[in-house]
Amino acid sequence: MSINGISGASPLVALYGPSATQRPEPVGQTDKPQAPAFSERLGGAIKDLAAAQNDASAKATAFETGETGNLAEVMVSQQVSSLGFQLALNVRNKALGAYRDIMNMPV
């Protein structure tokens, strides 16, 4: 078994080559489009949930009055509405739990 000596050209020299003198682009000055804010996403999700609930209610009313005979579509729309509501409720509970944890932290 032989051990080779360390040569003058260290692999670390590649890290500190000519590109090391260039400064990175500051954060926040990119040309990329901004993603929607959290409040916008949350508001959009709540509007979508309200639309799903209104759609399920309208389909149920239409079925009850005899305007449509498609019970499967009514049941699916009610399940979508129910799952959306359960998701919103779980997100709210997680957010409240995180808020309580932060408020109970010692300063």
C-alpha atoms as a PDB file:
ATOM      1  CA  MET A   1       0.000   0.000   0.000  1.00  0.00           C
ATOM      2  CA  SER A   2       1.444   3.339  -0.978  1.00  0.00           C
ATOM      3  CA  ILE A   3       0.492   6.777   0.172  1.00  0.00           C
ATOM      4  CA  ASN A   4       0.846   9.550  -2.365  1.00  0.00           C
ATOM      5  CA  GLY A   5       2.065  12.926  -1.201  1.00  0.00           C
ATOM      6  CA  ILE A   6       0.006  16.078  -1.453  1.00  0.00           C
ATOM      7  CA  SER A   7       0.852  17.987  -4.592  1.00  0.00           C
ATOM      8  CA  GLY A   8       0.977  21.770  -4.879  1.00  0.00           C
ATOM      9  CA  ALA A   9      -2.379  21.918  -6.668  1.00  0.00           C
ATOM     10  CA  SER A  10      -4.952  21.455  -3.951  1.00  0.00           C
ATOM     11  CA  PRO A  11      -8.546  20.582  -4.872  1.00  0.00           C
ATOM     12  CA  LEU A  12      -9.613  23.549  -2.771  1.00  0.00           C
ATOM     13  CA  VAL A  13      -8.005  25.907  -5.276  1.00  0.00           C
ATOM     14  CA  ALA A  14     -10.868  25.152  -7.635  1.00  0.00           C
ATOM     15  CA  LEU A  15     -13.284  26.519  -5.044  1.00  0.00           C
ATOM     16  CA  TYR A  16     -11.426  29.788  -4.733  1.00  0.00           C
ATOM     17  CA  GLY A  17     -10.713  30.301  -8.422  1.00  0.00           C
ATOM     18  CA  PRO A  18     -11.791  33.281 -10.526  1.00  0.00           C
ATOM     19  CA  SER A  19     -15.487  32.659  -9.826  1.00  0.00           C
ATOM     20  CA  ALA A  20     -14.949  33.184  -6.088  1.00  0.00           C
ATOM     21  CA  THR A  21     -14.484  36.931  -6.599  1.00  0.00           C
ATOM     22  CA  GLN A  22     -17.928  37.268  -8.199  1.00  0.00           C
ATOM     23  CA  ARG A  23     -20.643  38.288  -5.814  1.00  0.00           C
ATOM     24  CA  PRO A  24     -23.905  36.377  -5.773  1.00  0.00           C
ATOM     25  CA  GLU A  25     -27.056  38.118  -6.893  1.00  0.00           C
ATOM     26  CA  PRO A  26     -28.878  39.675  -3.930  1.00  0.00           C
ATOM     27  CA  VAL A  27     -31.996  37.892  -2.778  1.00  0.00           C
ATOM     28  CA  GLY A  28     -35.146  39.723  -3.762  1.00  0.00           C
ATOM     29  CA  GLN A  29     -33.732  41.300  -6.917  1.00  0.00           C
ATOM     30  CA  THR A  30     -34.548  38.456  -9.246  1.00  0.00           C
ATOM     31  CA  ASP A  31     -36.582  38.691 -12.408  1.00  0.00           C
ATOM     32  CA  LYS A  32     -38.668  35.666 -11.495  1.00  0.00           C
ATOM     33  CA  PRO A  33     -42.390  36.256 -10.958  1.00  0.00           C
ATOM     34  CA  GLN A  34     -43.450  36.369  -7.330  1.00  0.00           C
ATOM     35  CA  ALA A  35     -45.593  33.561  -5.966  1.00  0.00           C
ATOM     36  CA  PRO A  36     -48.894  34.534  -4.345  1.00  0.00           C
ATOM     37  CA  ALA A  37     -48.748  35.451  -0.688  1.00  0.00           C
ATOM     38  CA  PHE A  38     -49.977  33.059   1.978  1.00  0.00           C
ATOM     39  CA  SER A  39     -53.045  35.189   2.658  1.00  0.00           C
ATOM     40  CA  GLU A  40     -53.950  35.144  -1.048  1.00  0.00           C
ATOM     41  CA  ARG A  41     -53.619  31.372  -1.193  1.00  0.00           C
ATOM     42  CA  LEU A  42     -55.667  30.940   1.978  1.00  0.00           C
ATOM     43  CA  GLY A  43     -58.361  33.289   0.704  1.00  0.00           C
ATOM     44  CA  GLY A  44     -58.486  31.439  -2.620  1.00  0.00           C
ATOM     45  CA  ALA A  45     -58.823  28.106  -0.850  1.00  0.00           C
ATOM     46  CA  ILE A  46     -61.695  29.411   1.262  1.00  0.00           C
ATOM     47  CA  LYS A  47     -63.438  30.765  -1.837  1.00  0.00           C
ATOM     48  CA  ASP A  48     -63.007  27.391  -3.565  1.00  0.00           C
ATOM     49  CA  LEU A  49     -64.453  25.644  -0.518  1.00  0.00           C
ATOM     50  CA  ALA A  50     -67.448  27.987  -0.473  1.00  0.00           C
ATOM     51  CA  ALA A  51     -67.996  27.389  -4.193  1.00  0.00           C
ATOM     52  CA  ALA A  52     -67.887  23.602  -3.682  1.00  0.00           C
ATOM     53  CA  GLN A  53     -70.401  23.841  -0.845  1.00  0.00           C
ATOM     54  CA  ASN A  54     -72.712  26.055  -2.893  1.00  0.00           C
ATOM     55  CA  ASP A  55     -72.423  23.651  -5.846  1.00  0.00           C
ATOM     56  CA  ALA A  56     -73.257  20.655  -3.642  1.00  0.00           C
ATOM     57  CA  SER A  57     -76.225  22.474  -2.165  1.00  0.00           C
ATOM     58  CA  ALA A  58     -77.522  23.482  -5.603  1.00  0.00           C
ATOM     59  CA  LYS A  59     -77.180  19.928  -6.931  1.00  0.00           C
ATOM     60  CA  ALA A  60     -78.961  18.507  -3.895  1.00  0.00           C
ATOM     61  CA  THR A  61     -81.799  21.010  -4.308  1.00  0.00           C
ATOM     62  CA  ALA A  62     -82.059  20.195  -8.012  1.00  0.00           C
ATOM     63  CA  PHE A  63     -82.271  16.480  -7.211  1.00  0.00           C
ATOM     64  CA  GLU A  64     -84.888  17.012  -4.506  1.00  0.00           C
ATOM     65  CA  THR A  65     -87.086  19.089  -6.810  1.00  0.00           C
ATOM     66  CA  GLY A  66     -86.780  16.544  -9.608  1.00  0.00           C
ATOM     67  CA  GLU A  67     -84.828  18.742 -12.023  1.00  0.00           C
ATOM     68  CA  THR A  68     -82.105  16.117 -12.298  1.00  0.00           C
ATOM     69  CA  GLY A  69     -82.065  12.396 -11.681  1.00  0.00           C
ATOM     70  CA  ASN A  70     -78.327  11.892 -11.286  1.00  0.00           C
ATOM     71  CA  LEU A  71     -77.938  10.846  -7.644  1.00  0.00           C
ATOM     72  CA  ALA A  72     -74.285   9.836  -8.132  1.00  0.00           C
ATOM     73  CA  GLU A  73     -73.310  13.380  -9.155  1.00  0.00           C
ATOM     74  CA  VAL A  74     -75.099  14.796  -6.116  1.00  0.00           C
ATOM     75  CA  MET A  75     -73.357  12.376  -3.754  1.00  0.00           C
ATOM     76  CA  VAL A  76     -69.932  13.030  -5.268  1.00  0.00           C
ATOM     77  CA  SER A  77     -70.352  16.805  -4.995  1.00  0.00           C
ATOM     78  CA  GLN A  78     -71.427  16.433  -1.361  1.00  0.00           C
ATOM     79  CA  GLN A  79     -68.381  14.253  -0.603  1.00  0.00           C
ATOM     80  CA  VAL A  80     -66.068  16.811  -2.251  1.00  0.00           C
ATOM     81  CA  SER A  81     -67.659  19.531  -0.151  1.00  0.00           C
ATOM     82  CA  SER A  82     -67.368  17.457   3.014  1.00  0.00           C
ATOM     83  CA  LEU A  83     -63.702  16.593   2.422  1.00  0.00           C
ATOM     84  CA  GLY A  84     -62.885  20.225   1.690  1.00  0.00           C
ATOM     85  CA  PHE A  85     -64.538  21.301   4.917  1.00  0.00           C
ATOM     86  CA  GLN A  86     -62.676  18.648   6.921  1.00  0.00           C
ATOM     87  CA  LEU A  87     -59.394  19.789   5.388  1.00  0.00           C
ATOM     88  CA  ALA A  88     -60.117  23.422   6.239  1.00  0.00           C
ATOM     89  CA  LEU A  89     -61.031  22.426   9.786  1.00  0.00           C
ATOM     90  CA  ASN A  90     -57.795  20.442  10.229  1.00  0.00           C
ATOM     91  CA  VAL A  91     -55.691  23.306   8.847  1.00  0.00           C
ATOM     92  CA  ARG A  92     -57.396  25.686  11.272  1.00  0.00           C
ATOM     93  CA  ASN A  93     -56.771  23.327  14.188  1.00  0.00           C
ATOM     94  CA  LYS A  94     -53.082  22.952  13.281  1.00  0.00           C
ATOM     95  CA  ALA A  95     -52.689  26.733  12.972  1.00  0.00           C
ATOM     96  CA  LEU A  96     -54.340  27.295  16.357  1.00  0.00           C
ATOM     97  CA  GLY A  97     -52.155  24.612  17.922  1.00  0.00           C
ATOM     98  CA  ALA A  98     -49.020  26.239  16.518  1.00  0.00           C
ATOM     99  CA  TYR A  99     -50.200  29.645  17.770  1.00  0.00           C
ATOM    100  CA  ARG A 100     -50.781  28.246  21.263  1.00  0.00           C
ATOM    101  CA  ASP A 101     -47.350  26.601  21.267  1.00  0.00           C
ATOM    102  CA  ILE A 102     -45.690  29.863  20.287  1.00  0.00           C
ATOM    103  CA  MET A 103     -47.634  31.845  22.893  1.00  0.00           C
ATOM    104  CA  ASN A 104     -46.682  29.364  25.632  1.00  0.00           C
ATOM    105  CA  MET A 105     -42.952  29.537  24.863  1.00  0.00           C
ATOM    106  CA  PRO A 106     -40.893  31.132  27.604  1.00  0.00           C
ATOM    107  CA  VAL A 107     -39.204  34.358  26.576  1.00  0.00           C
END
